Amino acid sequence: MNYAKDMPTDSQRLAQAVARLNRRLRQERQSDLTATQLSVLGSVRVLGPATPSQIAARERVSQPSVARTLKCLLEDAYVLKNPHPDDGRQVLISMSDLGEKVLAEERQRRDLWLDRRLTTFTAAERARLREATDLLVRLAEDDA
């Protein structure tokens, strides 16, 4: 057995750690919404009233994919659909009060879990995580 060959690379370790943290955070969810639905709902929250194509671009998914997700969110009244004020061919998607409430509850639950876990870290470890967070955001958003 070649020990160096069998050691995970930095890329593998990072991917595994992010996947495990993501899985753990999903376990904190209590709504009936899927991870994809919550992500789209979060994008609508960040963008404000937006077209489905703007939401798809932010989510980095196809327009048909986001259209299916939005259909479910509309049916359950998590988002609202209104005519575009400047382009009659388009619609604007915005948050409903229910969507705001559910998203806030899910984020609060997630943040409480993370806060509890972070109290077990030293101040120096928390500082390293803050620095790493900036890098992870950049990694996730880069097109390179």
C-alpha atoms as a PDB file:
ATOM      1  CA  MET A   1       0.000   0.000   0.000  1.00  0.00           C
ATOM      2  CA  ASN A   2       1.347   3.374  -1.001  1.00  0.00           C
ATOM      3  CA  TYR A   3       0.498   5.617   1.938  1.00  0.00           C
ATOM      4  CA  ALA A   4       0.942   8.916   0.055  1.00  0.00           C
ATOM      5  CA  LYS A   5      -1.181   7.659  -2.839  1.00  0.00           C
ATOM      6  CA  ASP A   6      -4.030   6.691  -0.496  1.00  0.00           C
ATOM      7  CA  MET A   7      -4.051  10.000   1.393  1.00  0.00           C
ATOM      8  CA  PRO A   8      -6.906  12.288   0.404  1.00  0.00           C
ATOM      9  CA  THR A   9      -5.911  15.422  -1.479  1.00  0.00           C
ATOM     10  CA  ASP A  10      -6.739  18.893  -0.196  1.00  0.00           C
ATOM     11  CA  SER A  11      -9.565  19.022  -2.741  1.00  0.00           C
ATOM     12  CA  GLN A  12     -10.997  15.716  -1.553  1.00  0.00           C
ATOM     13  CA  ARG A  13     -10.781  16.692   2.115  1.00  0.00           C
ATOM     14  CA  LEU A  14     -12.437  20.053   1.449  1.00  0.00           C
ATOM     15  CA  ALA A  15     -15.229  18.480  -0.612  1.00  0.00           C
ATOM     16  CA  GLN A  16     -15.859  15.862   2.084  1.00  0.00           C
ATOM     17  CA  ALA A  17     -15.894  18.438   4.883  1.00  0.00           C
ATOM     18  CA  VAL A  18     -18.273  20.757   3.017  1.00  0.00           C
ATOM     19  CA  ALA A  19     -20.562  17.836   2.139  1.00  0.00           C
ATOM     20  CA  ARG A  20     -20.661  16.628   5.744  1.00  0.00           C
ATOM     21  CA  LEU A  21     -21.375  20.113   7.097  1.00  0.00           C
ATOM     22  CA  ASN A  22     -24.078  20.608   4.475  1.00  0.00           C
ATOM     23  CA  ARG A  23     -25.665  17.281   5.384  1.00  0.00           C
ATOM     24  CA  ARG A  24     -25.565  18.183   9.086  1.00  0.00           C
ATOM     25  CA  LEU A  25     -27.167  21.570   8.454  1.00  0.00           C
ATOM     26  CA  ARG A  26     -29.905  19.939   6.374  1.00  0.00           C
ATOM     27  CA  GLN A  27     -30.682  17.701   9.354  1.00  0.00           C
ATOM     28  CA  GLU A  28     -31.617  20.835  11.305  1.00  0.00           C
ATOM     29  CA  ARG A  29     -34.386  21.675   8.821  1.00  0.00           C
ATOM     30  CA  GLN A  30     -37.928  21.185  10.014  1.00  0.00           C
ATOM     31  CA  SER A  31     -39.976  22.588   7.141  1.00  0.00           C
ATOM     32  CA  ASP A  32     -41.361  20.482   4.329  1.00  0.00           C
ATOM     33  CA  LEU A  33     -39.315  22.430   1.802  1.00  0.00           C
ATOM     34  CA  THR A  34     -36.474  20.703  -0.003  1.00  0.00           C
ATOM     35  CA  ALA A  35     -32.931  22.058   0.079  1.00  0.00           C
ATOM     36  CA  THR A  36     -33.441  23.293  -3.496  1.00  0.00           C
ATOM     37  CA  GLN A  37     -36.671  25.073  -2.592  1.00  0.00           C
ATOM     38  CA  LEU A  38     -35.028  26.750   0.402  1.00  0.00           C
ATOM     39  CA  SER A  39     -32.098  27.814  -1.749  1.00  0.00           C
ATOM     40  CA  VAL A  40     -34.383  29.359  -4.373  1.00  0.00           C
ATOM     41  CA  LEU A  41     -36.411  31.024  -1.639  1.00  0.00           C
ATOM     42  CA  GLY A  42     -33.182  32.462  -0.241  1.00  0.00           C
ATOM     43  CA  SER A  43     -32.239  33.774  -3.673  1.00  0.00           C
ATOM     44  CA  VAL A  44     -35.625  35.461  -4.042  1.00  0.00           C
ATOM     45  CA  ARG A  45     -35.052  37.026  -0.617  1.00  0.00           C
ATOM     46  CA  VAL A  46     -31.619  38.358  -1.625  1.00  0.00           C
ATOM     47  CA  LEU A  47     -32.626  39.528  -5.105  1.00  0.00           C
ATOM     48  CA  GLY A  48     -35.938  41.067  -4.177  1.00  0.00           C
ATOM     49  CA  PRO A  49     -38.554  40.984  -6.929  1.00  0.00           C
ATOM     50  CA  ALA A  50     -36.820  39.159  -9.786  1.00  0.00           C
ATOM     51  CA  THR A  51     -37.559  37.359 -13.004  1.00  0.00           C
ATOM     52  CA  PRO A  52     -37.278  33.577 -13.100  1.00  0.00           C
ATOM     53  CA  SER A  53     -34.235  33.925 -15.360  1.00  0.00           C
ATOM     54  CA  GLN A  54     -32.492  36.177 -12.800  1.00  0.00           C
ATOM     55  CA  ILE A  55     -33.226  33.615 -10.095  1.00  0.00           C
ATOM     56  CA  ALA A  56     -31.922  30.795 -12.300  1.00  0.00           C
ATOM     57  CA  ALA A  57     -28.718  32.746 -12.960  1.00  0.00           C
ATOM     58  CA  ARG A  58     -28.129  33.339  -9.252  1.00  0.00           C
ATOM     59  CA  GLU A  59     -28.802  29.674  -8.478  1.00  0.00           C
ATOM     60  CA  ARG A  60     -26.658  28.574 -11.438  1.00  0.00           C
ATOM     61  CA  VAL A  61     -29.358  26.244 -12.709  1.00  0.00           C
ATOM     62  CA  SER A  62     -31.360  26.061 -15.924  1.00  0.00           C
ATOM     63  CA  GLN A  63     -34.480  28.148 -16.362  1.00  0.00           C
ATOM     64  CA  PRO A  64     -36.708  25.043 -16.662  1.00  0.00           C
ATOM     65  CA  SER A  65     -35.281  23.737 -13.388  1.00  0.00           C
ATOM     66  CA  VAL A  66     -35.975  26.963 -11.511  1.00  0.00           C
ATOM     67  CA  ALA A  67     -39.417  27.161 -13.145  1.00  0.00           C
ATOM     68  CA  ARG A  68     -40.345  23.770 -11.628  1.00  0.00           C
ATOM     69  CA  THR A  69     -39.137  24.862  -8.205  1.00  0.00           C
ATOM     70  CA  LEU A  70     -40.947  28.197  -8.428  1.00  0.00           C
ATOM     71  CA  LYS A  71     -44.156  26.405  -9.456  1.00  0.00           C
ATOM     72  CA  CYS A  72     -44.076  24.443  -6.182  1.00  0.00           C
ATOM     73  CA  LEU A  73     -43.234  27.548  -4.143  1.00  0.00           C
ATOM     74  CA  LEU A  74     -46.086  29.455  -5.824  1.00  0.00           C
ATOM     75  CA  GLU A  75     -48.584  26.638  -5.254  1.00  0.00           C
ATOM     76  CA  ASP A  76     -47.763  26.609  -1.547  1.00  0.00           C
ATOM     77  CA  ALA A  77     -47.790  30.432  -1.319  1.00  0.00           C
ATOM     78  CA  TYR A  78     -44.126  30.859  -0.317  1.00  0.00           C
ATOM     79  CA  VAL A  79     -43.608  33.320  -3.179  1.00  0.00           C
ATOM     80  CA  LEU A  80     -45.791  35.687  -5.174  1.00  0.00           C
ATOM     81  CA  LYS A  81     -45.929  36.224  -8.945  1.00  0.00           C
ATOM     82  CA  ASN A  82     -46.700  39.658 -10.360  1.00  0.00           C
ATOM     83  CA  PRO A  83     -46.570  41.143 -13.852  1.00  0.00           C
ATOM     84  CA  HIS A  84     -43.296  42.830 -14.771  1.00  0.00           C
ATOM     85  CA  PRO A  85     -43.934  46.616 -14.806  1.00  0.00           C
ATOM     86  CA  ASP A  86     -41.827  47.215 -17.942  1.00  0.00           C
ATOM     87  CA  ASP A  87     -42.126  43.970 -19.902  1.00  0.00           C
ATOM     88  CA  GLY A  88     -45.522  42.348 -20.287  1.00  0.00           C
ATOM     89  CA  ARG A  89     -43.896  39.079 -21.364  1.00  0.00           C
ATOM     90  CA  GLN A  90     -42.174  38.652 -18.014  1.00  0.00           C
ATOM     91  CA  VAL A  91     -43.199  38.173 -14.406  1.00  0.00           C
ATOM     92  CA  LEU A  92     -41.544  39.137 -11.144  1.00  0.00           C
ATOM     93  CA  ILE A  93     -41.242  36.674  -8.279  1.00  0.00           C
ATOM     94  CA  SER A  94     -41.163  38.041  -4.731  1.00  0.00           C
ATOM     95  CA  MET A  95     -41.358  36.710  -1.205  1.00  0.00           C
ATOM     96  CA  SER A  96     -44.715  36.188   0.473  1.00  0.00           C
ATOM     97  CA  ASP A  97     -45.176  36.691   4.202  1.00  0.00           C
ATOM     98  CA  LEU A  98     -45.253  32.901   4.600  1.00  0.00           C
ATOM     99  CA  GLY A  99     -42.011  32.543   2.642  1.00  0.00           C
ATOM    100  CA  GLU A 100     -40.322  35.187   4.811  1.00  0.00           C
ATOM    101  CA  LYS A 101     -41.533  33.439   7.974  1.00  0.00           C
ATOM    102  CA  VAL A 102     -40.439  29.942   6.954  1.00  0.00           C
ATOM    103  CA  LEU A 103     -37.054  31.103   5.674  1.00  0.00           C
ATOM    104  CA  ALA A 104     -36.412  33.093   8.867  1.00  0.00           C
ATOM    105  CA  GLU A 105     -37.352  30.105  11.039  1.00  0.00           C
ATOM    106  CA  GLU A 106     -35.101  27.740   9.101  1.00  0.00           C
ATOM    107  CA  ARG A 107     -32.178  30.154   9.195  1.00  0.00           C
ATOM    108  CA  GLN A 108     -32.660  30.763  12.912  1.00  0.00           C
ATOM    109  CA  ARG A 109     -32.665  27.020  13.600  1.00  0.00           C
ATOM    110  CA  ARG A 110     -29.525  26.554  11.494  1.00  0.00           C
ATOM    111  CA  ASP A 111     -27.788  29.509  13.110  1.00  0.00           C
ATOM    112  CA  LEU A 112     -28.632  28.309  16.634  1.00  0.00           C
ATOM    113  CA  TRP A 113     -27.092  24.916  15.870  1.00  0.00           C
ATOM    114  CA  LEU A 114     -23.985  26.547  14.439  1.00  0.00           C
ATOM    115  CA  ASP A 115     -23.735  28.953  17.383  1.00  0.00           C
ATOM    116  CA  ARG A 116     -23.869  26.025  19.827  1.00  0.00           C
ATOM    117  CA  ARG A 117     -21.165  24.182  17.908  1.00  0.00           C
ATOM    118  CA  LEU A 118     -18.958  27.261  17.618  1.00  0.00           C
ATOM    119  CA  THR A 119     -18.928  27.712  21.402  1.00  0.00           C
ATOM    120  CA  THR A 120     -16.865  24.516  21.578  1.00  0.00           C
ATOM    121  CA  PHE A 121     -14.099  26.140  19.505  1.00  0.00           C
ATOM    122  CA  THR A 122     -11.376  28.400  20.838  1.00  0.00           C
ATOM    123  CA  ALA A 123     -11.276  32.074  19.870  1.00  0.00           C
ATOM    124  CA  ALA A 124      -8.370  31.325  17.539  1.00  0.00           C
ATOM    125  CA  GLU A 125     -10.292  28.492  15.859  1.00  0.00           C
ATOM    126  CA  ARG A 126     -13.328  30.726  15.361  1.00  0.00           C
ATOM    127  CA  ALA A 127     -11.070  33.378  13.804  1.00  0.00           C
ATOM    128  CA  ARG A 128      -9.661  30.768  11.404  1.00  0.00           C
ATOM    129  CA  LEU A 129     -13.203  29.746  10.460  1.00  0.00           C
ATOM    130  CA  ARG A 130     -14.131  33.386   9.764  1.00  0.00           C
ATOM    131  CA  GLU A 131     -11.128  33.665   7.441  1.00  0.00           C
ATOM    132  CA  ALA A 132     -11.963  30.353   5.778  1.00  0.00           C
ATOM    133  CA  THR A 133     -15.569  31.456   5.272  1.00  0.00           C
ATOM    134  CA  ASP A 134     -14.445  34.300   3.016  1.00  0.00           C
ATOM    135  CA  LEU A 135     -12.396  31.850   0.964  1.00  0.00           C
ATOM    136  CA  LEU A 136     -15.271  29.368   0.720  1.00  0.00           C
ATOM    137  CA  VAL A 137     -17.616  32.088  -0.514  1.00  0.00           C
ATOM    138  CA  ARG A 138     -15.054  33.091  -3.127  1.00  0.00           C
ATOM    139  CA  LEU A 139     -14.544  29.468  -4.133  1.00  0.00           C
ATOM    140  CA  ALA A 140     -18.277  28.906  -4.548  1.00  0.00           C
ATOM    141  CA  GLU A 141     -18.786  32.071  -6.595  1.00  0.00           C
ATOM    142  CA  ASP A 142     -15.731  32.005  -8.865  1.00  0.00           C
ATOM    143  CA  ASP A 143     -16.240  31.014 -12.472  1.00  0.00           C
ATOM    144  CA  ALA A 144     -12.591  30.079 -12.990  1.00  0.00           C
END
